[in-house]
N, C-alpha and C. Protein backbone atom coordinates (compact mmCIF):
# COMPACT_ATOMS: atom_id res chain seq x y z
N MET A 1 -173.49 -57.50 -29.66
CA MET A 1 -172.82 -56.27 -29.90
C MET A 1 -172.56 -56.20 -31.42
N ALA A 2 -172.96 -55.08 -31.98
CA ALA A 2 -172.82 -54.94 -33.48
C ALA A 2 -171.54 -54.23 -33.77
N LYS A 3 -170.92 -54.63 -34.89
CA LYS A 3 -169.68 -53.96 -35.34
C LYS A 3 -169.94 -53.42 -36.74
N SER A 4 -169.13 -52.42 -37.08
CA SER A 4 -169.28 -51.77 -38.35
C SER A 4 -168.12 -52.21 -39.27
N PHE A 5 -168.48 -52.72 -40.44
CA PHE A 5 -167.49 -53.16 -41.44
C PHE A 5 -167.72 -52.39 -42.73
N GLU A 6 -166.64 -52.10 -43.35
CA GLU A 6 -166.73 -51.46 -44.69
C GLU A 6 -166.33 -52.46 -45.74
N VAL A 7 -167.25 -52.59 -46.72
CA VAL A 7 -166.98 -53.45 -47.88
C VAL A 7 -166.63 -52.51 -49.03
N PRO A 8 -165.55 -52.76 -49.76
CA PRO A 8 -165.19 -51.88 -50.87
C PRO A 8 -166.34 -51.86 -51.86
N GLY A 9 -166.60 -50.65 -52.27
CA GLY A 9 -167.65 -50.41 -53.30
C GLY A 9 -169.05 -50.41 -52.74
N ARG A 10 -169.18 -50.64 -51.39
CA ARG A 10 -170.51 -50.69 -50.79
C ARG A 10 -170.43 -49.82 -49.57
N ALA A 11 -171.63 -49.49 -49.18
CA ALA A 11 -171.68 -48.60 -47.98
C ALA A 11 -171.47 -49.39 -46.74
N ALA A 12 -171.01 -48.81 -45.69
CA ALA A 12 -170.74 -49.54 -44.49
C ALA A 12 -172.05 -49.92 -43.83
N ARG A 13 -172.03 -51.18 -43.25
CA ARG A 13 -173.21 -51.66 -42.64
C ARG A 13 -172.84 -52.38 -41.35
N GLU A 14 -173.69 -52.54 -40.45
CA GLU A 14 -173.42 -53.12 -39.18
C GLU A 14 -173.72 -54.66 -39.30
N ILE A 15 -172.75 -55.46 -38.73
CA ILE A 15 -172.90 -56.96 -38.79
C ILE A 15 -172.95 -57.45 -37.36
N ASP A 16 -173.83 -58.30 -37.11
CA ASP A 16 -174.02 -58.91 -35.85
C ASP A 16 -172.92 -59.94 -35.53
N GLU A 17 -172.63 -60.25 -34.21
CA GLU A 17 -171.64 -61.26 -33.89
C GLU A 17 -172.03 -62.63 -34.38
N ASP A 18 -173.28 -62.96 -34.33
CA ASP A 18 -173.79 -64.23 -34.83
C ASP A 18 -173.44 -64.41 -36.28
N GLU A 19 -173.65 -63.35 -37.01
CA GLU A 19 -173.26 -63.45 -38.46
C GLU A 19 -171.79 -63.64 -38.67
N VAL A 20 -170.96 -62.95 -37.80
CA VAL A 20 -169.56 -63.12 -37.90
C VAL A 20 -169.18 -64.58 -37.55
N ARG A 21 -169.79 -65.18 -36.53
CA ARG A 21 -169.45 -66.58 -36.22
C ARG A 21 -169.92 -67.48 -37.37
N ALA A 22 -171.06 -67.23 -37.97
CA ALA A 22 -171.56 -68.03 -39.06
C ALA A 22 -170.61 -67.98 -40.22
N MET A 23 -170.16 -66.74 -40.52
CA MET A 23 -169.19 -66.60 -41.60
C MET A 23 -167.88 -67.30 -41.36
N ALA A 24 -167.38 -67.22 -40.06
CA ALA A 24 -166.20 -67.82 -39.74
C ALA A 24 -166.31 -69.35 -39.80
N THR A 25 -167.44 -69.89 -39.33
CA THR A 25 -167.69 -71.35 -39.45
C THR A 25 -167.75 -71.81 -40.89
N ALA A 26 -168.47 -71.03 -41.76
CA ALA A 26 -168.51 -71.43 -43.15
C ALA A 26 -167.12 -71.41 -43.75
N ALA A 27 -166.31 -70.41 -43.42
CA ALA A 27 -164.96 -70.33 -43.98
C ALA A 27 -164.12 -71.50 -43.51
N MET A 28 -164.24 -71.91 -42.24
CA MET A 28 -163.43 -73.01 -41.71
C MET A 28 -163.92 -74.30 -42.37
N ALA A 29 -165.24 -74.45 -42.57
CA ALA A 29 -165.77 -75.64 -43.20
C ALA A 29 -165.26 -75.77 -44.67
N GLY A 30 -165.20 -74.59 -45.33
CA GLY A 30 -164.65 -74.60 -46.70
C GLY A 30 -163.22 -75.00 -46.73
N GLN A 31 -162.45 -74.49 -45.76
CA GLN A 31 -161.02 -74.86 -45.74
C GLN A 31 -160.85 -76.35 -45.40
N ALA A 32 -161.74 -76.88 -44.53
CA ALA A 32 -161.65 -78.28 -44.21
C ALA A 32 -161.95 -79.14 -45.40
N ILE A 33 -163.00 -78.73 -46.19
CA ILE A 33 -163.36 -79.55 -47.31
C ILE A 33 -162.24 -79.45 -48.35
N GLU A 34 -161.63 -78.29 -48.49
CA GLU A 34 -160.57 -78.07 -49.41
C GLU A 34 -159.32 -78.96 -49.01
N GLY A 35 -159.09 -79.03 -47.70
CA GLY A 35 -157.98 -79.88 -47.22
C GLY A 35 -158.29 -81.37 -47.43
N MET A 36 -159.52 -81.80 -47.28
CA MET A 36 -159.83 -83.17 -47.53
C MET A 36 -159.65 -83.49 -49.05
N GLY A 37 -160.07 -82.62 -49.90
CA GLY A 37 -159.87 -82.81 -51.31
C GLY A 37 -158.38 -82.94 -51.69
N ALA A 38 -157.61 -82.08 -51.05
CA ALA A 38 -156.11 -82.17 -51.32
C ALA A 38 -155.56 -83.45 -50.78
N ALA A 39 -156.07 -83.87 -49.61
CA ALA A 39 -155.58 -85.15 -49.08
C ALA A 39 -155.95 -86.39 -49.96
N GLN A 40 -157.15 -86.26 -50.52
CA GLN A 40 -157.63 -87.35 -51.43
C GLN A 40 -156.74 -87.30 -52.73
N ARG A 41 -156.40 -86.07 -53.15
CA ARG A 41 -155.56 -86.05 -54.41
C ARG A 41 -154.23 -86.56 -54.09
N THR A 42 -153.66 -86.35 -52.87
CA THR A 42 -152.34 -86.83 -52.52
C THR A 42 -152.37 -88.34 -52.26
N ARG A 43 -153.58 -88.88 -52.00
CA ARG A 43 -153.69 -90.31 -51.69
C ARG A 43 -153.92 -91.16 -52.91
N ARG A 44 -153.69 -90.60 -54.12
CA ARG A 44 -153.85 -91.39 -55.29
C ARG A 44 -152.79 -92.46 -55.42
N SER A 45 -153.10 -93.41 -56.26
CA SER A 45 -152.19 -94.57 -56.40
C SER A 45 -150.90 -94.12 -57.02
N PRO A 46 -149.79 -94.88 -56.81
CA PRO A 46 -148.51 -94.50 -57.35
C PRO A 46 -148.50 -94.54 -58.90
N ALA A 47 -149.33 -95.39 -59.47
CA ALA A 47 -149.42 -95.46 -60.94
C ALA A 47 -149.97 -94.18 -61.51
N GLN A 48 -151.08 -93.68 -60.84
CA GLN A 48 -151.66 -92.42 -61.29
C GLN A 48 -150.71 -91.29 -61.11
N THR A 49 -150.05 -91.26 -59.98
CA THR A 49 -149.02 -90.19 -59.74
C THR A 49 -147.91 -90.22 -60.81
N LEU A 50 -147.45 -91.42 -61.07
CA LEU A 50 -146.39 -91.56 -62.11
C LEU A 50 -146.88 -91.16 -63.47
N ALA A 51 -148.08 -91.56 -63.79
CA ALA A 51 -148.65 -91.19 -65.10
C ALA A 51 -148.77 -89.67 -65.24
N GLN A 52 -149.27 -89.02 -64.17
CA GLN A 52 -149.42 -87.52 -64.23
C GLN A 52 -148.05 -86.89 -64.33
N HIS A 53 -147.06 -87.44 -63.57
CA HIS A 53 -145.68 -86.85 -63.70
C HIS A 53 -145.14 -87.05 -65.12
N ASN A 54 -145.38 -88.21 -65.70
CA ASN A 54 -144.84 -88.39 -67.05
C ASN A 54 -145.54 -87.52 -68.02
N LEU A 55 -146.86 -87.33 -67.82
CA LEU A 55 -147.61 -86.40 -68.73
C LEU A 55 -147.07 -84.99 -68.63
N VAL A 56 -146.81 -84.54 -67.44
CA VAL A 56 -146.27 -83.22 -67.23
C VAL A 56 -144.93 -83.04 -67.89
N ARG A 57 -144.06 -84.06 -67.71
CA ARG A 57 -142.72 -84.01 -68.34
C ARG A 57 -142.83 -84.02 -69.85
N PHE A 58 -143.75 -84.84 -70.42
CA PHE A 58 -143.90 -84.91 -71.84
C PHE A 58 -144.38 -83.58 -72.41
N GLU A 59 -145.33 -82.96 -71.75
CA GLU A 59 -145.79 -81.64 -72.24
C GLU A 59 -144.68 -80.62 -72.18
N ALA A 60 -143.83 -80.64 -71.15
CA ALA A 60 -142.77 -79.69 -71.02
C ALA A 60 -141.70 -79.93 -72.13
N GLN A 61 -141.40 -81.17 -72.41
CA GLN A 61 -140.41 -81.50 -73.47
C GLN A 61 -141.03 -81.07 -74.82
N ARG A 62 -142.29 -81.29 -75.08
CA ARG A 62 -142.86 -80.96 -76.35
C ARG A 62 -142.88 -79.42 -76.51
N ARG A 63 -143.16 -78.68 -75.47
CA ARG A 63 -143.15 -77.23 -75.50
C ARG A 63 -141.69 -76.72 -75.75
N ALA A 64 -140.67 -77.46 -75.13
CA ALA A 64 -139.29 -77.01 -75.37
C ALA A 64 -138.87 -77.31 -76.79
N ARG A 65 -139.36 -78.41 -77.41
CA ARG A 65 -138.98 -78.72 -78.77
C ARG A 65 -139.56 -77.78 -79.79
N ARG A 66 -140.78 -77.41 -79.63
CA ARG A 66 -141.33 -76.61 -80.72
C ARG A 66 -141.05 -75.10 -80.48
N GLY A 67 -140.48 -74.76 -79.31
CA GLY A 67 -140.11 -73.37 -79.06
C GLY A 67 -141.29 -72.51 -78.73
N PRO A 68 -141.06 -71.22 -78.78
CA PRO A 68 -142.14 -70.28 -78.32
C PRO A 68 -143.39 -70.28 -79.28
N THR A 69 -143.10 -70.67 -80.56
CA THR A 69 -144.22 -70.55 -81.54
C THR A 69 -145.04 -71.88 -81.45
N PRO A 70 -146.27 -71.83 -81.18
CA PRO A 70 -147.13 -73.07 -81.09
C PRO A 70 -147.32 -73.66 -82.49
N GLU A 71 -147.40 -74.95 -82.48
CA GLU A 71 -147.65 -75.65 -83.78
C GLU A 71 -149.15 -75.77 -84.05
N VAL A 72 -149.39 -75.66 -85.30
CA VAL A 72 -150.80 -75.69 -85.75
C VAL A 72 -150.95 -76.83 -86.75
N PHE A 73 -151.90 -77.66 -86.47
CA PHE A 73 -152.23 -78.78 -87.34
C PHE A 73 -153.62 -78.68 -87.92
N PHE A 74 -153.73 -79.03 -89.17
CA PHE A 74 -155.03 -78.99 -89.88
C PHE A 74 -155.32 -80.39 -90.32
N SER A 75 -156.47 -80.94 -89.89
CA SER A 75 -156.81 -82.26 -90.33
C SER A 75 -157.53 -82.22 -91.70
N LYS A 76 -157.13 -83.11 -92.61
CA LYS A 76 -157.67 -83.09 -93.91
C LYS A 76 -157.97 -84.53 -94.30
N HIS A 77 -159.19 -84.79 -94.70
CA HIS A 77 -159.63 -86.12 -95.10
C HIS A 77 -159.25 -86.34 -96.58
N ILE A 78 -158.49 -87.44 -96.83
CA ILE A 78 -158.06 -87.78 -98.14
C ILE A 78 -158.72 -89.09 -98.58
N ASP A 79 -159.44 -89.11 -99.71
CA ASP A 79 -160.15 -90.26 -100.22
C ASP A 79 -159.38 -90.89 -101.32
N ASN A 80 -158.75 -92.09 -101.03
CA ASN A 80 -157.96 -92.78 -102.08
C ASN A 80 -158.68 -93.93 -102.74
N SER A 81 -160.04 -93.99 -102.54
CA SER A 81 -160.79 -95.09 -103.13
C SER A 81 -160.84 -95.03 -104.69
N ARG A 82 -160.70 -93.86 -105.28
CA ARG A 82 -160.81 -93.75 -106.71
C ARG A 82 -159.41 -93.78 -107.41
N ILE A 83 -158.35 -94.01 -106.61
CA ILE A 83 -157.02 -94.12 -107.21
C ILE A 83 -156.82 -95.48 -107.76
N VAL A 84 -156.34 -95.63 -109.02
CA VAL A 84 -156.03 -96.86 -109.67
C VAL A 84 -154.56 -96.96 -109.91
N LYS A 85 -154.04 -98.11 -109.57
CA LYS A 85 -152.57 -98.34 -109.74
C LYS A 85 -152.25 -98.47 -111.18
N ALA A 86 -151.24 -97.72 -111.59
CA ALA A 86 -150.82 -97.74 -112.99
C ALA A 86 -150.03 -99.04 -113.29
N ASP A 87 -150.20 -99.59 -114.44
CA ASP A 87 -149.48 -100.81 -114.85
C ASP A 87 -148.10 -100.46 -115.25
N ASP A 88 -147.09 -101.20 -114.65
CA ASP A 88 -145.65 -100.93 -114.95
C ASP A 88 -145.13 -102.14 -115.59
N PRO A 89 -144.93 -102.22 -116.93
CA PRO A 89 -144.38 -103.42 -117.55
C PRO A 89 -142.96 -103.76 -117.14
N VAL A 90 -142.16 -102.78 -116.88
CA VAL A 90 -140.77 -103.05 -116.45
C VAL A 90 -140.76 -103.73 -115.12
N ARG A 91 -141.51 -103.22 -114.17
CA ARG A 91 -141.64 -103.89 -112.88
C ARG A 91 -142.22 -105.27 -112.99
N ARG A 92 -143.22 -105.49 -113.79
CA ARG A 92 -143.82 -106.75 -113.99
C ARG A 92 -142.73 -107.78 -114.57
N LYS A 93 -141.95 -107.28 -115.47
CA LYS A 93 -140.94 -108.14 -116.06
C LYS A 93 -139.89 -108.52 -115.02
N GLU A 94 -139.48 -107.54 -114.20
CA GLU A 94 -138.52 -107.83 -113.14
C GLU A 94 -139.04 -108.87 -112.17
N MET A 95 -140.34 -108.71 -111.82
CA MET A 95 -140.88 -109.64 -110.91
C MET A 95 -140.98 -111.07 -111.46
N ARG A 96 -141.34 -111.14 -112.75
CA ARG A 96 -141.34 -112.48 -113.39
C ARG A 96 -139.98 -113.06 -113.41
N GLN A 97 -138.98 -112.30 -113.69
CA GLN A 97 -137.60 -112.83 -113.74
C GLN A 97 -137.20 -113.30 -112.34
N PHE A 98 -137.51 -112.46 -111.36
CA PHE A 98 -137.12 -112.84 -109.97
C PHE A 98 -137.85 -114.10 -109.53
N THR A 99 -139.17 -114.20 -109.90
CA THR A 99 -139.90 -115.39 -109.55
C THR A 99 -139.29 -116.65 -110.21
N GLY A 100 -138.92 -116.50 -111.49
CA GLY A 100 -138.35 -117.63 -112.18
C GLY A 100 -137.01 -118.09 -111.60
N VAL A 101 -136.14 -117.10 -111.31
CA VAL A 101 -134.87 -117.39 -110.70
C VAL A 101 -135.02 -118.06 -109.33
N MET A 102 -135.93 -117.55 -108.54
CA MET A 102 -136.14 -118.16 -107.22
C MET A 102 -136.77 -119.55 -107.36
N SER A 103 -137.64 -119.76 -108.33
CA SER A 103 -138.14 -121.12 -108.50
C SER A 103 -137.04 -122.13 -108.87
N VAL A 104 -136.21 -121.68 -109.78
CA VAL A 104 -135.09 -122.59 -110.22
C VAL A 104 -134.19 -122.88 -109.05
N LEU A 105 -133.87 -121.82 -108.32
CA LEU A 105 -133.00 -121.98 -107.10
C LEU A 105 -133.63 -122.92 -106.09
N PHE A 106 -134.97 -122.77 -105.89
CA PHE A 106 -135.67 -123.63 -104.93
C PHE A 106 -135.65 -125.12 -105.41
N CYS A 107 -135.83 -125.32 -106.70
CA CYS A 107 -135.80 -126.67 -107.27
C CYS A 107 -134.38 -127.28 -107.07
N LEU A 108 -133.33 -126.51 -107.31
CA LEU A 108 -131.96 -127.05 -107.16
C LEU A 108 -131.72 -127.40 -105.67
N VAL A 109 -132.17 -126.53 -104.79
CA VAL A 109 -131.96 -126.83 -103.39
C VAL A 109 -132.71 -128.14 -102.96
N MET A 110 -133.93 -128.27 -103.48
CA MET A 110 -134.69 -129.43 -103.16
C MET A 110 -134.04 -130.72 -103.72
N VAL A 111 -133.53 -130.62 -104.92
CA VAL A 111 -132.88 -131.80 -105.52
C VAL A 111 -131.63 -132.16 -104.73
N TYR A 112 -130.86 -131.16 -104.25
CA TYR A 112 -129.70 -131.42 -103.42
C TYR A 112 -130.06 -132.09 -102.11
N VAL A 113 -131.11 -131.54 -101.49
CA VAL A 113 -131.55 -132.15 -100.20
C VAL A 113 -132.04 -133.61 -100.45
N TRP A 114 -132.79 -133.87 -101.57
CA TRP A 114 -133.21 -135.17 -101.85
C TRP A 114 -132.04 -136.13 -102.03
N GLN A 115 -131.03 -135.68 -102.82
CA GLN A 115 -129.85 -136.51 -103.03
C GLN A 115 -129.16 -136.81 -101.72
N HIS A 116 -129.03 -135.75 -100.91
CA HIS A 116 -128.32 -135.96 -99.65
C HIS A 116 -128.97 -136.97 -98.77
N PHE A 117 -130.30 -136.88 -98.63
CA PHE A 117 -131.02 -137.88 -97.78
C PHE A 117 -131.01 -139.22 -98.43
N SER A 118 -131.07 -139.30 -99.74
CA SER A 118 -130.99 -140.61 -100.47
C SER A 118 -129.60 -141.24 -100.24
N ALA A 119 -128.53 -140.42 -100.27
CA ALA A 119 -127.24 -141.06 -100.02
C ALA A 119 -127.12 -141.53 -98.59
N ILE A 120 -127.73 -140.80 -97.65
CA ILE A 120 -127.68 -141.31 -96.25
C ILE A 120 -128.47 -142.62 -96.17
N GLU A 121 -129.63 -142.71 -96.78
CA GLU A 121 -130.42 -143.93 -96.74
C GLU A 121 -129.66 -145.07 -97.37
N VAL A 122 -129.03 -144.84 -98.57
CA VAL A 122 -128.33 -145.90 -99.22
C VAL A 122 -127.15 -146.33 -98.32
N GLY A 123 -126.49 -145.43 -97.67
CA GLY A 123 -125.38 -145.76 -96.75
C GLY A 123 -125.83 -146.67 -95.69
N TYR A 124 -127.03 -146.37 -95.08
CA TYR A 124 -127.54 -147.26 -94.04
C TYR A 124 -127.83 -148.66 -94.61
N ARG A 125 -128.38 -148.71 -95.83
CA ARG A 125 -128.71 -150.02 -96.45
C ARG A 125 -127.39 -150.81 -96.65
N VAL A 126 -126.35 -150.11 -97.19
CA VAL A 126 -125.06 -150.82 -97.46
C VAL A 126 -124.48 -151.39 -96.17
N GLU A 127 -124.54 -150.60 -95.07
CA GLU A 127 -124.03 -151.09 -93.77
C GLU A 127 -124.88 -152.30 -93.27
N ALA A 128 -126.13 -152.24 -93.52
CA ALA A 128 -126.95 -153.38 -93.11
C ALA A 128 -126.64 -154.64 -93.97
N GLN A 129 -126.41 -154.43 -95.28
CA GLN A 129 -126.03 -155.58 -96.17
C GLN A 129 -124.70 -156.13 -95.78
N LYS A 130 -123.72 -155.28 -95.42
CA LYS A 130 -122.41 -155.71 -94.95
C LYS A 130 -122.53 -156.57 -93.71
N THR A 131 -123.30 -156.14 -92.79
CA THR A 131 -123.53 -156.90 -91.54
C THR A 131 -124.15 -158.23 -91.88
N GLN A 132 -125.11 -158.25 -92.76
CA GLN A 132 -125.74 -159.52 -93.13
C GLN A 132 -124.70 -160.48 -93.82
N VAL A 133 -123.89 -159.88 -94.71
CA VAL A 133 -122.85 -160.71 -95.40
C VAL A 133 -121.89 -161.36 -94.39
N GLU A 134 -121.45 -160.55 -93.42
CA GLU A 134 -120.56 -161.07 -92.40
C GLU A 134 -121.25 -162.18 -91.60
N GLN A 135 -122.54 -162.04 -91.27
CA GLN A 135 -123.23 -163.10 -90.58
C GLN A 135 -123.24 -164.40 -91.40
N MET A 136 -123.56 -164.22 -92.69
CA MET A 136 -123.67 -165.39 -93.61
C MET A 136 -122.30 -166.05 -93.77
N ARG A 137 -121.26 -165.30 -93.82
CA ARG A 137 -119.92 -165.90 -93.92
C ARG A 137 -119.58 -166.69 -92.62
N GLU A 138 -119.94 -166.10 -91.52
CA GLU A 138 -119.70 -166.89 -90.29
C GLU A 138 -120.52 -168.18 -90.22
N GLU A 139 -121.77 -168.07 -90.70
CA GLU A 139 -122.58 -169.27 -90.69
C GLU A 139 -122.06 -170.28 -91.71
N ASN A 140 -121.53 -169.85 -92.85
CA ASN A 140 -120.95 -170.74 -93.81
C ASN A 140 -119.71 -171.44 -93.22
N ARG A 141 -118.91 -170.67 -92.51
CA ARG A 141 -117.70 -171.30 -91.89
C ARG A 141 -118.09 -172.35 -90.86
N GLN A 142 -119.13 -172.05 -90.12
CA GLN A 142 -119.59 -173.02 -89.14
C GLN A 142 -120.08 -174.32 -89.78
N LEU A 143 -120.79 -174.10 -90.93
CA LEU A 143 -121.29 -175.30 -91.67
C LEU A 143 -120.18 -176.09 -92.29
N ARG A 144 -119.12 -175.44 -92.76
CA ARG A 144 -117.98 -176.16 -93.35
C ARG A 144 -117.28 -176.96 -92.27
N LEU A 145 -117.14 -176.38 -91.05
CA LEU A 145 -116.52 -177.13 -89.94
C LEU A 145 -117.40 -178.33 -89.59
N SER A 146 -118.73 -178.12 -89.56
CA SER A 146 -119.56 -179.23 -89.20
C SER A 146 -119.44 -180.40 -90.29
N GLU A 147 -119.40 -179.94 -91.55
CA GLU A 147 -119.29 -180.93 -92.60
C GLU A 147 -117.98 -181.72 -92.52
N ALA A 148 -116.86 -181.00 -92.24
CA ALA A 148 -115.56 -181.64 -92.12
C ALA A 148 -115.54 -182.61 -90.95
N GLN A 149 -116.26 -182.32 -89.85
CA GLN A 149 -116.31 -183.21 -88.71
C GLN A 149 -117.17 -184.44 -89.02
N LEU A 150 -118.27 -184.22 -89.75
CA LEU A 150 -119.19 -185.32 -90.09
C LEU A 150 -118.60 -186.26 -91.13
N THR A 151 -117.76 -185.76 -92.03
CA THR A 151 -117.22 -186.59 -93.09
C THR A 151 -115.78 -187.13 -92.75
N ASP A 152 -115.40 -187.07 -91.52
CA ASP A 152 -114.07 -187.56 -91.12
C ASP A 152 -114.08 -189.12 -91.23
N PRO A 153 -113.21 -189.76 -92.00
CA PRO A 153 -113.22 -191.27 -92.14
C PRO A 153 -113.01 -191.96 -90.77
N GLY A 154 -112.20 -191.46 -89.93
CA GLY A 154 -112.02 -192.12 -88.63
C GLY A 154 -113.28 -192.12 -87.82
N ARG A 155 -114.02 -191.04 -87.87
CA ARG A 155 -115.26 -190.96 -87.11
C ARG A 155 -116.28 -191.92 -87.70
N ILE A 156 -116.28 -192.00 -89.11
CA ILE A 156 -117.25 -192.92 -89.75
C ILE A 156 -116.91 -194.35 -89.40
N ASP A 157 -115.61 -194.71 -89.36
CA ASP A 157 -115.23 -196.05 -89.04
C ASP A 157 -115.58 -196.43 -87.64
N VAL A 158 -115.41 -195.53 -86.66
CA VAL A 158 -115.82 -195.76 -85.31
C VAL A 158 -117.24 -195.96 -85.18
N MET A 159 -118.04 -195.17 -85.87
CA MET A 159 -119.49 -195.28 -85.77
C MET A 159 -119.98 -196.58 -86.44
N ALA A 160 -119.30 -197.05 -87.56
CA ALA A 160 -119.65 -198.25 -88.21
C ALA A 160 -119.34 -199.46 -87.27
N LYS A 161 -118.27 -199.40 -86.58
CA LYS A 161 -117.95 -200.54 -85.64
C LYS A 161 -118.92 -200.54 -84.47
N GLN A 162 -119.34 -199.36 -84.02
CA GLN A 162 -120.36 -199.33 -82.99
C GLN A 162 -121.69 -199.92 -83.40
N LEU A 163 -121.99 -199.72 -84.71
CA LEU A 163 -123.26 -200.35 -85.27
C LEU A 163 -123.11 -201.74 -85.64
N GLY A 164 -121.89 -202.33 -85.57
CA GLY A 164 -121.75 -203.74 -85.90
C GLY A 164 -121.39 -203.99 -87.36
N LEU A 165 -120.91 -203.02 -88.08
CA LEU A 165 -120.57 -203.15 -89.47
C LEU A 165 -119.11 -203.56 -89.56
N ASN A 166 -118.80 -204.39 -90.50
CA ASN A 166 -117.39 -204.87 -90.68
C ASN A 166 -116.98 -204.59 -92.10
N VAL A 167 -115.64 -204.94 -92.36
CA VAL A 167 -115.07 -204.71 -93.67
C VAL A 167 -115.79 -205.67 -94.59
N PRO A 168 -116.17 -205.29 -95.83
CA PRO A 168 -116.82 -206.22 -96.80
C PRO A 168 -115.91 -207.34 -97.23
N GLN A 169 -116.51 -208.49 -97.36
CA GLN A 169 -115.80 -209.65 -97.85
C GLN A 169 -115.69 -209.59 -99.36
N PRO A 170 -114.70 -210.36 -99.90
CA PRO A 170 -114.53 -210.31 -101.33
C PRO A 170 -115.76 -210.87 -102.02
N GLY A 171 -116.27 -210.20 -103.05
CA GLY A 171 -117.43 -210.57 -103.78
C GLY A 171 -118.70 -209.88 -103.22
N GLN A 172 -118.62 -209.22 -102.15
CA GLN A 172 -119.83 -208.50 -101.63
C GLN A 172 -120.00 -207.10 -102.17
N VAL A 173 -118.95 -206.60 -102.83
CA VAL A 173 -119.04 -205.22 -103.34
C VAL A 173 -119.58 -205.30 -104.77
N VAL A 174 -120.64 -204.56 -105.06
CA VAL A 174 -121.20 -204.49 -106.40
C VAL A 174 -121.13 -203.05 -106.86
N ARG A 175 -120.58 -202.85 -107.96
CA ARG A 175 -120.44 -201.52 -108.48
C ARG A 175 -121.78 -201.02 -109.06
N PRO A 176 -122.06 -199.74 -108.91
CA PRO A 176 -123.38 -199.28 -109.41
C PRO A 176 -123.48 -199.30 -110.89
N ASP A 177 -122.34 -199.28 -111.64
CA ASP A 177 -122.40 -199.25 -113.10
C ASP A 177 -122.69 -200.60 -113.65
N GLY A 178 -122.81 -201.61 -112.78
CA GLY A 178 -123.11 -202.96 -113.25
C GLY A 178 -121.95 -203.77 -113.71
N LEU A 179 -120.77 -203.22 -113.75
CA LEU A 179 -119.60 -203.96 -114.12
C LEU A 179 -119.09 -204.78 -112.95
N GLY A 180 -118.69 -205.99 -113.26
CA GLY A 180 -118.20 -206.94 -112.17
C GLY A 180 -116.76 -206.56 -111.86
N VAL A 181 -116.37 -207.03 -110.77
CA VAL A 181 -114.93 -206.83 -110.35
C VAL A 181 -114.10 -207.88 -110.98
N ALA A 182 -113.03 -207.47 -111.62
CA ALA A 182 -112.15 -208.45 -112.29
C ALA A 182 -111.55 -209.37 -111.27
N ASP A 183 -110.97 -208.87 -110.24
CA ASP A 183 -110.35 -209.70 -109.25
C ASP A 183 -111.15 -209.55 -107.94
N PRO A 184 -111.86 -210.61 -107.50
CA PRO A 184 -112.67 -210.44 -106.25
C PRO A 184 -111.79 -210.10 -105.07
N SER A 185 -110.53 -210.53 -105.07
CA SER A 185 -109.73 -210.30 -103.89
C SER A 185 -109.07 -208.88 -103.92
N ALA A 186 -109.17 -208.20 -105.09
CA ALA A 186 -108.52 -206.89 -105.17
C ALA A 186 -109.30 -205.79 -104.37
N PRO A 187 -108.57 -204.93 -103.72
CA PRO A 187 -109.34 -203.87 -102.97
C PRO A 187 -110.05 -202.93 -103.98
N VAL A 188 -111.12 -202.45 -103.48
CA VAL A 188 -111.95 -201.51 -104.32
C VAL A 188 -111.83 -200.12 -103.66
N MET A 189 -111.57 -199.14 -104.56
CA MET A 189 -111.46 -197.77 -104.08
C MET A 189 -112.87 -197.17 -103.98
N ALA A 190 -113.12 -196.66 -102.80
CA ALA A 190 -114.47 -196.01 -102.61
C ALA A 190 -114.44 -194.66 -103.28
N GLN A 191 -115.52 -194.36 -103.94
CA GLN A 191 -115.69 -193.07 -104.67
C GLN A 191 -116.99 -192.38 -104.22
N ALA A 192 -116.91 -191.10 -104.21
CA ALA A 192 -118.12 -190.36 -103.85
C ALA A 192 -119.00 -190.21 -105.04
N GLY A 193 -120.23 -190.42 -104.91
CA GLY A 193 -121.19 -190.31 -106.05
C GLY A 193 -122.58 -190.26 -105.56
N THR A 194 -123.49 -190.17 -106.45
CA THR A 194 -124.90 -190.21 -106.11
C THR A 194 -125.36 -191.59 -105.69
N PRO A 195 -125.89 -191.77 -104.56
CA PRO A 195 -126.30 -193.14 -104.11
C PRO A 195 -127.40 -193.63 -104.98
N GLN A 196 -127.27 -194.86 -105.40
CA GLN A 196 -128.29 -195.51 -106.21
C GLN A 196 -128.76 -196.86 -105.49
N MET A 197 -129.99 -197.14 -105.72
CA MET A 197 -130.51 -198.35 -105.08
C MET A 197 -130.18 -199.60 -105.98
N VAL A 198 -129.61 -200.56 -105.47
CA VAL A 198 -129.28 -201.78 -106.23
C VAL A 198 -130.16 -202.91 -105.72
N LEU A 199 -130.86 -203.52 -106.64
CA LEU A 199 -131.79 -204.62 -106.32
C LEU A 199 -131.10 -205.95 -106.61
N ARG A 200 -131.17 -206.89 -105.71
CA ARG A 200 -130.61 -208.24 -105.86
C ARG A 200 -131.71 -209.26 -106.14
C-alpha cells in the first residue's frame, strides 16, 4: 500500500511500505551505532576521563582570566648568534677581588682544619706516650723489688750455707788492690765493686 509524503521544497511523491521499513531500519541502525560509540566513549579509562576534565577546566579558567577579548600571540624568531658580550672592566675587577678574597678565606679555613686535626693526632700520641711511661715505671718498680730481694744479705747467707760455703778463715781474704791485711785476725769490711780475677 503506497502512502503520500510531502518533502519540503520538493513535490509530493508516493513511497512504498518496503521503502518505509528500509528507512526505519537504517535509522535504527544509525541510532544503535551512535549508542555504541557513546558507550565506548563512556568506557574510557579513568586517566583519560580525568585528563579531559582537567583540560576542560584549564580552558575555562584561561578564558575567564583573559576576559572576553581573545589574546593574540605573534611568534618571532630572534637570532642572537651575532651578539658579542661587551667587556666590563669594573665587573672584571670585582670578580678578581671576590676570587682573591674567597681564595684567602679558603686557605685560612684549610689551615685551621689542618691545625685542628694535627692537635687531635698529637693528643693521641701524648696519651700513648703517657701510657707507655706508666708501664715502664711499673716495670722499673718490679725490677727494683726483684733487685732488693736478690741482694738481701740474709738470703745470700742462707744460699751460701746451702752450697757449703763457710766464713773465711784469717789469711784467706786477699784484697783486689794487692795490699795485704795488716792484722790477719781483724775483720774485713766487704765492699761492692767490680769483680776482678785474682790469680794465685
